[in-house]
Amino acid sequence: MEFVLVLPLLLIILFGIIEFSVLMYDKAVITNASREAAREWIEYRPTKKTFTEIDNIVQNYCQNRLITFGTVSPL
């Protein structure tokens, strides 16, 4: 009987922990994508990369690494 009363609270806490972990992981992926883009931008080359190329680097980095639970609108 007591388990029936405590189970919803335990599930809310469990799913809250999972959701928070996914958010923290996605934040780390986005931070690393911005680092990759900055690294490409400041690297010495005779011709600099365009903003479109830098944006593509970020998109490609995030495309396979972000955890999503459905469709995501483009950045």
PDB file of N, CA and C in Angstrom:
ATOM      1  N   MET A   1       0.820  -1.192   0.000  1.00  0.00           N
ATOM      2  CA  MET A   1       0.000   0.000   0.000  1.00  0.00           C
ATOM      3  C   MET A   1       0.871   1.266   0.000  1.00  0.00           C
ATOM      4  N   GLU A   2       1.909   1.269   0.822  1.00  0.00           N
ATOM      5  CA  GLU A   2       2.754   2.457   0.896  1.00  0.00           C
ATOM      6  C   GLU A   2       3.529   2.652  -0.401  1.00  0.00           C
ATOM      7  N   PHE A   3       3.892   1.547  -1.059  1.00  0.00           N
ATOM      8  CA  PHE A   3       4.633   1.630  -2.315  1.00  0.00           C
ATOM      9  C   PHE A   3       3.823   2.357  -3.387  1.00  0.00           C
ATOM     10  N   VAL A   4       2.520   2.126  -3.398  1.00  0.00           N
ATOM     11  CA  VAL A   4       1.644   2.782  -4.369  1.00  0.00           C
ATOM     12  C   VAL A   4       1.649   4.292  -4.145  1.00  0.00           C
ATOM     13  N   LEU A   5       1.793   4.720  -2.925  1.00  0.00           N
ATOM     14  CA  LEU A   5       1.814   6.153  -2.628  1.00  0.00           C
ATOM     15  C   LEU A   5       3.164   6.783  -2.943  1.00  0.00           C
ATOM     16  N   VAL A   6       4.243   6.034  -2.785  1.00  0.00           N
ATOM     17  CA  VAL A   6       5.589   6.572  -2.962  1.00  0.00           C
ATOM     18  C   VAL A   6       6.065   6.456  -4.417  1.00  0.00           C
ATOM     19  N   LEU A   7       5.544   5.491  -5.174  1.00  0.00           N
ATOM     20  CA  LEU A   7       5.997   5.251  -6.540  1.00  0.00           C
ATOM     21  C   LEU A   7       5.910   6.482  -7.448  1.00  0.00           C
ATOM     22  N   PRO A   8       4.807   7.245  -7.469  1.00  0.00           N
ATOM     23  CA  PRO A   8       4.780   8.422  -8.345  1.00  0.00           C
ATOM     24  C   PRO A   8       5.877   9.444  -8.006  1.00  0.00           C
ATOM     25  N   LEU A   9       6.143   9.635  -6.745  1.00  0.00           N
ATOM     26  CA  LEU A   9       7.191  10.565  -6.340  1.00  0.00           C
ATOM     27  C   LEU A   9       8.566  10.071  -6.787  1.00  0.00           C
ATOM     28  N   LEU A  10       8.822   8.783  -6.618  1.00  0.00           N
ATOM     29  CA  LEU A  10      10.092   8.210  -7.059  1.00  0.00           C
ATOM     30  C   LEU A  10      10.267   8.325  -8.567  1.00  0.00           C
ATOM     31  N   LEU A  11       9.204   8.085  -9.328  1.00  0.00           N
ATOM     32  CA  LEU A  11       9.286   8.200 -10.782  1.00  0.00           C
ATOM     33  C   LEU A  11       9.521   9.648 -11.222  1.00  0.00           C
ATOM     34  N   ILE A  12       8.881  10.587 -10.568  1.00  0.00           N
ATOM     35  CA  ILE A  12       9.103  12.009 -10.889  1.00  0.00           C
ATOM     36  C   ILE A  12      10.551  12.389 -10.626  1.00  0.00           C
ATOM     37  N   ILE A  13      11.091  11.946  -9.524  1.00  0.00           N
ATOM     38  CA  ILE A  13      12.495  12.238  -9.206  1.00  0.00           C
ATOM     39  C   ILE A  13      13.421  11.566 -10.208  1.00  0.00           C
ATOM     40  N   LEU A  14      13.157  10.311 -10.541  1.00  0.00           N
ATOM     41  CA  LEU A  14      13.992   9.583 -11.492  1.00  0.00           C
ATOM     42  C   LEU A  14      13.986  10.249 -12.870  1.00  0.00           C
ATOM     43  N   PHE A  15      12.811  10.568 -13.385  1.00  0.00           N
ATOM     44  CA  PHE A  15      12.739  11.199 -14.700  1.00  0.00           C
ATOM     45  C   PHE A  15      13.294  12.622 -14.670  1.00  0.00           C
ATOM     46  N   GLY A  16      13.192  13.292 -13.554  1.00  0.00           N
ATOM     47  CA  GLY A  16      13.814  14.614 -13.405  1.00  0.00           C
ATOM     48  C   GLY A  16      15.331  14.526 -13.488  1.00  0.00           C
ATOM     49  N   ILE A  17      15.897  13.523 -12.856  1.00  0.00           N
ATOM     50  CA  ILE A  17      17.351  13.319 -12.916  1.00  0.00           C
ATOM     51  C   ILE A  17      17.786  13.010 -14.343  1.00  0.00           C
ATOM     52  N   ILE A  18      17.030  12.166 -15.036  1.00  0.00           N
ATOM     53  CA  ILE A  18      17.361  11.822 -16.417  1.00  0.00           C
ATOM     54  C   ILE A  18      17.266  13.051 -17.313  1.00  0.00           C
ATOM     55  N   GLU A  19      16.213  13.825 -17.182  1.00  0.00           N
ATOM     56  CA  GLU A  19      16.033  15.025 -18.005  1.00  0.00           C
ATOM     57  C   GLU A  19      17.139  16.042 -17.742  1.00  0.00           C
ATOM     58  N   PHE A  20      17.499  16.243 -16.498  1.00  0.00           N
ATOM     59  CA  PHE A  20      18.572  17.177 -16.154  1.00  0.00           C
ATOM     60  C   PHE A  20      19.907  16.705 -16.732  1.00  0.00           C
ATOM     61  N   SER A  21      20.149  15.408 -16.697  1.00  0.00           N
ATOM     62  CA  SER A  21      21.386  14.858 -17.259  1.00  0.00           C
ATOM     63  C   SER A  21      21.452  15.075 -18.767  1.00  0.00           C
ATOM     64  N   VAL A  22      20.345  14.896 -19.455  1.00  0.00           N
ATOM     65  CA  VAL A  22      20.307  15.128 -20.902  1.00  0.00           C
ATOM     66  C   VAL A  22      20.565  16.601 -21.203  1.00  0.00           C
ATOM     67  N   LEU A  23      19.992  17.492 -20.421  1.00  0.00           N
ATOM     68  CA  LEU A  23      20.223  18.925 -20.621  1.00  0.00           C
ATOM     69  C   LEU A  23      21.690  19.283 -20.415  1.00  0.00           C
ATOM     70  N   MET A  24      22.310  18.732 -19.402  1.00  0.00           N
ATOM     71  CA  MET A  24      23.717  19.024 -19.148  1.00  0.00           C
ATOM     72  C   MET A  24      24.608  18.466 -20.263  1.00  0.00           C
ATOM     73  N   TYR A  25      24.274  17.296 -20.768  1.00  0.00           N
ATOM     74  CA  TYR A  25      25.038  16.710 -21.868  1.00  0.00           C
ATOM     75  C   TYR A  25      24.913  17.582 -23.121  1.00  0.00           C
ATOM     76  N   ASP A  26      23.681  17.985 -23.450  1.00  0.00           N
ATOM     77  CA  ASP A  26      23.477  18.828 -24.627  1.00  0.00           C
ATOM     78  C   ASP A  26      24.194  20.168 -24.489  1.00  0.00           C
ATOM     79  N   LYS A  27      24.226  20.717 -23.296  1.00  0.00           N
ATOM     80  CA  LYS A  27      24.952  21.967 -23.070  1.00  0.00           C
ATOM     81  C   LYS A  27      26.438  21.778 -23.347  1.00  0.00           C
ATOM     82  N   ALA A  28      26.994  20.661 -22.920  1.00  0.00           N
ATOM     83  CA  ALA A  28      28.409  20.381 -23.163  1.00  0.00           C
ATOM     84  C   ALA A  28      28.680  20.205 -24.658  1.00  0.00           C
ATOM     85  N   VAL A  29      27.776  19.567 -25.383  1.00  0.00           N
ATOM     86  CA  VAL A  29      27.943  19.386 -26.828  1.00  0.00           C
ATOM     87  C   VAL A  29      27.924  20.737 -27.535  1.00  0.00           C
ATOM     88  N   ILE A  30      27.005  21.618 -27.164  1.00  0.00           N
ATOM     89  CA  ILE A  30      26.921  22.933 -27.793  1.00  0.00           C
ATOM     90  C   ILE A  30      28.156  23.763 -27.470  1.00  0.00           C
ATOM     91  N   THR A  31      28.650  23.665 -26.245  1.00  0.00           N
ATOM     92  CA  THR A  31      29.877  24.374 -25.878  1.00  0.00           C
ATOM     93  C   THR A  31      31.057  23.875 -26.697  1.00  0.00           C
ATOM     94  N   ASN A  32      31.183  22.574 -26.863  1.00  0.00           N
ATOM     95  CA  ASN A  32      32.277  22.026 -27.670  1.00  0.00           C
ATOM     96  C   ASN A  32      32.134  22.398 -29.142  1.00  0.00           C
ATOM     97  N   ALA A  33      30.912  22.477 -29.648  1.00  0.00           N
ATOM     98  CA  ALA A  33      30.708  22.894 -31.036  1.00  0.00           C
ATOM     99  C   ALA A  33      31.166  24.333 -31.240  1.00  0.00           C
ATOM    100  N   SER A  34      30.895  25.192 -30.270  1.00  0.00           N
ATOM    101  CA  SER A  34      31.346  26.585 -30.390  1.00  0.00           C
ATOM    102  C   SER A  34      32.869  26.666 -30.297  1.00  0.00           C
ATOM    103  N   ARG A  35      33.479  25.809 -29.519  1.00  0.00           N
ATOM    104  CA  ARG A  35      34.944  25.777 -29.452  1.00  0.00           C
ATOM    105  C   ARG A  35      35.544  25.338 -30.789  1.00  0.00           C
ATOM    106  N   GLU A  36      34.936  24.323 -31.394  1.00  0.00           N
ATOM    107  CA  GLU A  36      35.416  23.864 -32.696  1.00  0.00           C
ATOM    108  C   GLU A  36      35.309  24.970 -33.740  1.00  0.00           C
ATOM    109  N   ALA A  37      34.198  25.693 -33.717  1.00  0.00           N
ATOM    110  CA  ALA A  37      34.017  26.785 -34.675  1.00  0.00           C
ATOM    111  C   ALA A  37      35.035  27.896 -34.432  1.00  0.00           C
ATOM    112  N   ALA A  38      35.268  28.245 -33.181  1.00  0.00           N
ATOM    113  CA  ALA A  38      36.252  29.280 -32.865  1.00  0.00           C
ATOM    114  C   ALA A  38      37.655  28.843 -33.272  1.00  0.00           C
ATOM    115  N   ARG A  39      37.961  27.581 -33.078  1.00  0.00           N
ATOM    116  CA  ARG A  39      39.269  27.057 -33.452  1.00  0.00           C
ATOM    117  C   ARG A  39      39.467  27.148 -34.966  1.00  0.00           C
ATOM    118  N   GLU A  40      38.441  26.811 -35.721  1.00  0.00           N
ATOM    119  CA  GLU A  40      38.522  26.912 -37.172  1.00  0.00           C
ATOM    120  C   GLU A  40      38.656  28.369 -37.618  1.00  0.00           C
ATOM    121  N   TRP A  41      37.971  29.271 -36.925  1.00  0.00           N
ATOM    122  CA  TRP A  41      37.981  30.682 -37.314  1.00  0.00           C
ATOM    123  C   TRP A  41      39.351  31.321 -37.089  1.00  0.00           C
ATOM    124  N   ILE A  42      40.018  30.989 -35.984  1.00  0.00           N
ATOM    125  CA  ILE A  42      41.275  31.663 -35.666  1.00  0.00           C
ATOM    126  C   ILE A  42      42.489  30.968 -36.248  1.00  0.00           C
ATOM    127  N   GLU A  43      42.313  29.782 -36.813  1.00  0.00           N
ATOM    128  CA  GLU A  43      43.447  29.065 -37.393  1.00  0.00           C
ATOM    129  C   GLU A  43      44.010  29.861 -38.570  1.00  0.00           C
ATOM    130  N   TYR A  44      45.310  29.947 -38.622  1.00  0.00           N
ATOM    131  CA  TYR A  44      45.938  30.742 -39.673  1.00  0.00           C
ATOM    132  C   TYR A  44      45.814  30.050 -41.022  1.00  0.00           C
ATOM    133  N   ARG A  45      45.287  30.774 -41.984  1.00  0.00           N
ATOM    134  CA  ARG A  45      45.177  30.334 -43.368  1.00  0.00           C
ATOM    135  C   ARG A  45      45.308  31.562 -44.253  1.00  0.00           C
ATOM    136  N   PRO A  46      45.763  31.382 -45.467  1.00  0.00           N
ATOM    137  CA  PRO A  46      45.805  32.534 -46.378  1.00  0.00           C
ATOM    138  C   PRO A  46      44.412  33.113 -46.634  1.00  0.00           C
ATOM    139  N   THR A  47      43.386  32.249 -46.694  1.00  0.00           N
ATOM    140  CA  THR A  47      42.009  32.735 -46.853  1.00  0.00           C
ATOM    141  C   THR A  47      41.185  32.234 -45.671  1.00  0.00           C
ATOM    142  N   LYS A  48      40.466  33.153 -45.049  1.00  0.00           N
ATOM    143  CA  LYS A  48      39.626  32.787 -43.900  1.00  0.00           C
ATOM    144  C   LYS A  48      38.382  32.040 -44.362  1.00  0.00           C
ATOM    145  N   LYS A  49      37.846  31.235 -43.482  1.00  0.00           N
ATOM    146  CA  LYS A  49      36.584  30.554 -43.766  1.00  0.00           C
ATOM    147  C   LYS A  49      35.448  31.564 -43.659  1.00  0.00           C
ATOM    148  N   THR A  50      34.398  31.331 -44.418  1.00  0.00           N
ATOM    149  CA  THR A  50      33.244  32.216 -44.377  1.00  0.00           C
ATOM    150  C   THR A  50      32.360  31.852 -43.184  1.00  0.00           C
ATOM    151  N   PHE A  51      31.418  32.746 -42.883  1.00  0.00           N
ATOM    152  CA  PHE A  51      30.499  32.476 -41.781  1.00  0.00           C
ATOM    153  C   PHE A  51      29.626  31.262 -42.076  1.00  0.00           C
ATOM    154  N   THR A  52      29.303  31.048 -43.330  1.00  0.00           N
ATOM    155  CA  THR A  52      28.507  29.877 -43.700  1.00  0.00           C
ATOM    156  C   THR A  52      29.279  28.593 -43.435  1.00  0.00           C
ATOM    157  N   GLU A  53      30.557  28.579 -43.744  1.00  0.00           N
ATOM    158  CA  GLU A  53      31.381  27.397 -43.477  1.00  0.00           C
ATOM    159  C   GLU A  53      31.511  27.138 -41.982  1.00  0.00           C
ATOM    160  N   ILE A  54      31.668  28.215 -41.206  1.00  0.00           N
ATOM    161  CA  ILE A  54      31.740  28.072 -39.740  1.00  0.00           C
ATOM    162  C   ILE A  54      30.413  27.542 -39.197  1.00  0.00           C
ATOM    163  N   ASP A  55      29.309  28.069 -39.718  1.00  0.00           N
ATOM    164  CA  ASP A  55      27.994  27.603 -39.288  1.00  0.00           C
ATOM    165  C   ASP A  55      27.817  26.124 -39.628  1.00  0.00           C
ATOM    166  N   ASN A  56      28.298  25.708 -40.784  1.00  0.00           N
ATOM    167  CA  ASN A  56      28.212  24.285 -41.167  1.00  0.00           C
ATOM    168  C   ASN A  56      29.029  23.405 -40.235  1.00  0.00           C
ATOM    169  N   ILE A  57      30.164  23.898 -39.758  1.00  0.00           N
ATOM    170  CA  ILE A  57      30.975  23.136 -38.804  1.00  0.00           C
ATOM    171  C   ILE A  57      30.182  22.887 -37.524  1.00  0.00           C
ATOM    172  N   VAL A  58      29.530  23.934 -37.028  1.00  0.00           N
ATOM    173  CA  VAL A  58      28.730  23.796 -35.798  1.00  0.00           C
ATOM    174  C   VAL A  58      27.564  22.852 -36.029  1.00  0.00           C
ATOM    175  N   GLN A  59      26.861  23.007 -37.157  1.00  0.00           N
ATOM    176  CA  GLN A  59      25.713  22.138 -37.454  1.00  0.00           C
ATOM    177  C   GLN A  59      26.131  20.675 -37.557  1.00  0.00           C
ATOM    178  N   ASN A  60      27.230  20.423 -38.252  1.00  0.00           N
ATOM    179  CA  ASN A  60      27.698  19.044 -38.409  1.00  0.00           C
ATOM    180  C   ASN A  60      28.142  18.450 -37.083  1.00  0.00           C
ATOM    181  N   TYR A  61      28.767  19.260 -36.234  1.00  0.00           N
ATOM    182  CA  TYR A  61      29.210  18.767 -34.930  1.00  0.00           C
ATOM    183  C   TYR A  61      28.006  18.373 -34.068  1.00  0.00           C
ATOM    184  N   CYS A  62      26.991  19.204 -34.094  1.00  0.00           N
ATOM    185  CA  CYS A  62      25.825  18.962 -33.225  1.00  0.00           C
ATOM    186  C   CYS A  62      24.872  17.907 -33.778  1.00  0.00           C
ATOM    187  N   GLN A  63      24.878  17.724 -35.077  1.00  0.00           N
ATOM    188  CA  GLN A  63      23.876  16.867 -35.712  1.00  0.00           C
ATOM    189  C   GLN A  63      23.843  15.448 -35.145  1.00  0.00           C
ATOM    190  N   ASN A  64      24.981  14.834 -34.957  1.00  0.00           N
ATOM    191  CA  ASN A  64      24.993  13.445 -34.485  1.00  0.00           C
ATOM    192  C   ASN A  64      25.264  13.309 -33.001  1.00  0.00           C
ATOM    193  N   ARG A  65      25.482  14.412 -32.301  1.00  0.00           N
ATOM    194  CA  ARG A  65      25.849  14.311 -30.888  1.00  0.00           C
ATOM    195  C   ARG A  65      24.751  14.750 -29.927  1.00  0.00           C
ATOM    196  N   LEU A  66      23.853  15.627 -30.351  1.00  0.00           N
ATOM    197  CA  LEU A  66      22.806  16.094 -29.447  1.00  0.00           C
ATOM    198  C   LEU A  66      21.776  15.001 -29.205  1.00  0.00           C
ATOM    199  N   ILE A  67      21.277  14.944 -27.988  1.00  0.00           N
ATOM    200  CA  ILE A  67      20.209  14.006 -27.644  1.00  0.00           C
ATOM    201  C   ILE A  67      18.892  14.753 -27.760  1.00  0.00           C
ATOM    202  N   THR A  68      18.012  14.271 -28.625  1.00  0.00           N
ATOM    203  CA  THR A  68      16.694  14.891 -28.784  1.00  0.00           C
ATOM    204  C   THR A  68      15.625  13.826 -28.633  1.00  0.00           C
ATOM    205  N   PHE A  69      14.467  14.265 -28.259  1.00  0.00           N
ATOM    206  CA  PHE A  69      13.326  13.354 -28.103  1.00  0.00           C
ATOM    207  C   PHE A  69      12.231  13.746 -29.073  1.00  0.00           C
ATOM    208  N   GLY A  70      12.583  13.828 -30.338  1.00  0.00           N
ATOM    209  CA  GLY A  70      11.625  14.224 -31.354  1.00  0.00           C
ATOM    210  C   GLY A  70      12.297  15.126 -32.365  1.00  0.00           C
ATOM    211  N   THR A  71      11.476  15.852 -33.116  1.00  0.00           N
ATOM    212  CA  THR A  71      12.033  16.731 -34.124  1.00  0.00           C
ATOM    213  C   THR A  71      12.527  18.024 -33.483  1.00  0.00           C
ATOM    214  N   VAL A  72      13.562  18.571 -34.090  1.00  0.00           N
ATOM    215  CA  VAL A  72      14.141  19.816 -33.596  1.00  0.00           C
ATOM    216  C   VAL A  72      14.154  20.804 -34.737  1.00  0.00           C
ATOM    217  N   SER A  73      13.749  22.026 -34.460  1.00  0.00           N
ATOM    218  CA  SER A  73      13.802  23.049 -35.499  1.00  0.00           C
ATOM    219  C   SER A  73      15.247  23.458 -35.737  1.00  0.00           C
ATOM    220  N   PRO A  74      15.596  23.873 -36.946  1.00  0.00           N
ATOM    221  CA  PRO A  74      16.987  24.261 -37.222  1.00  0.00           C
ATOM    222  C   PRO A  74      17.410  25.457 -36.385  1.00  0.00           C
ATOM    223  N   LEU A  75      18.702  25.540 -36.127  1.00  0.00           N
ATOM    224  CA  LEU A  75      19.216  26.629 -35.300  1.00  0.00           C
ATOM    225  C   LEU A  75      19.098  27.949 -35.956  1.00  0.00           C
TER     226      LEU A  75
END
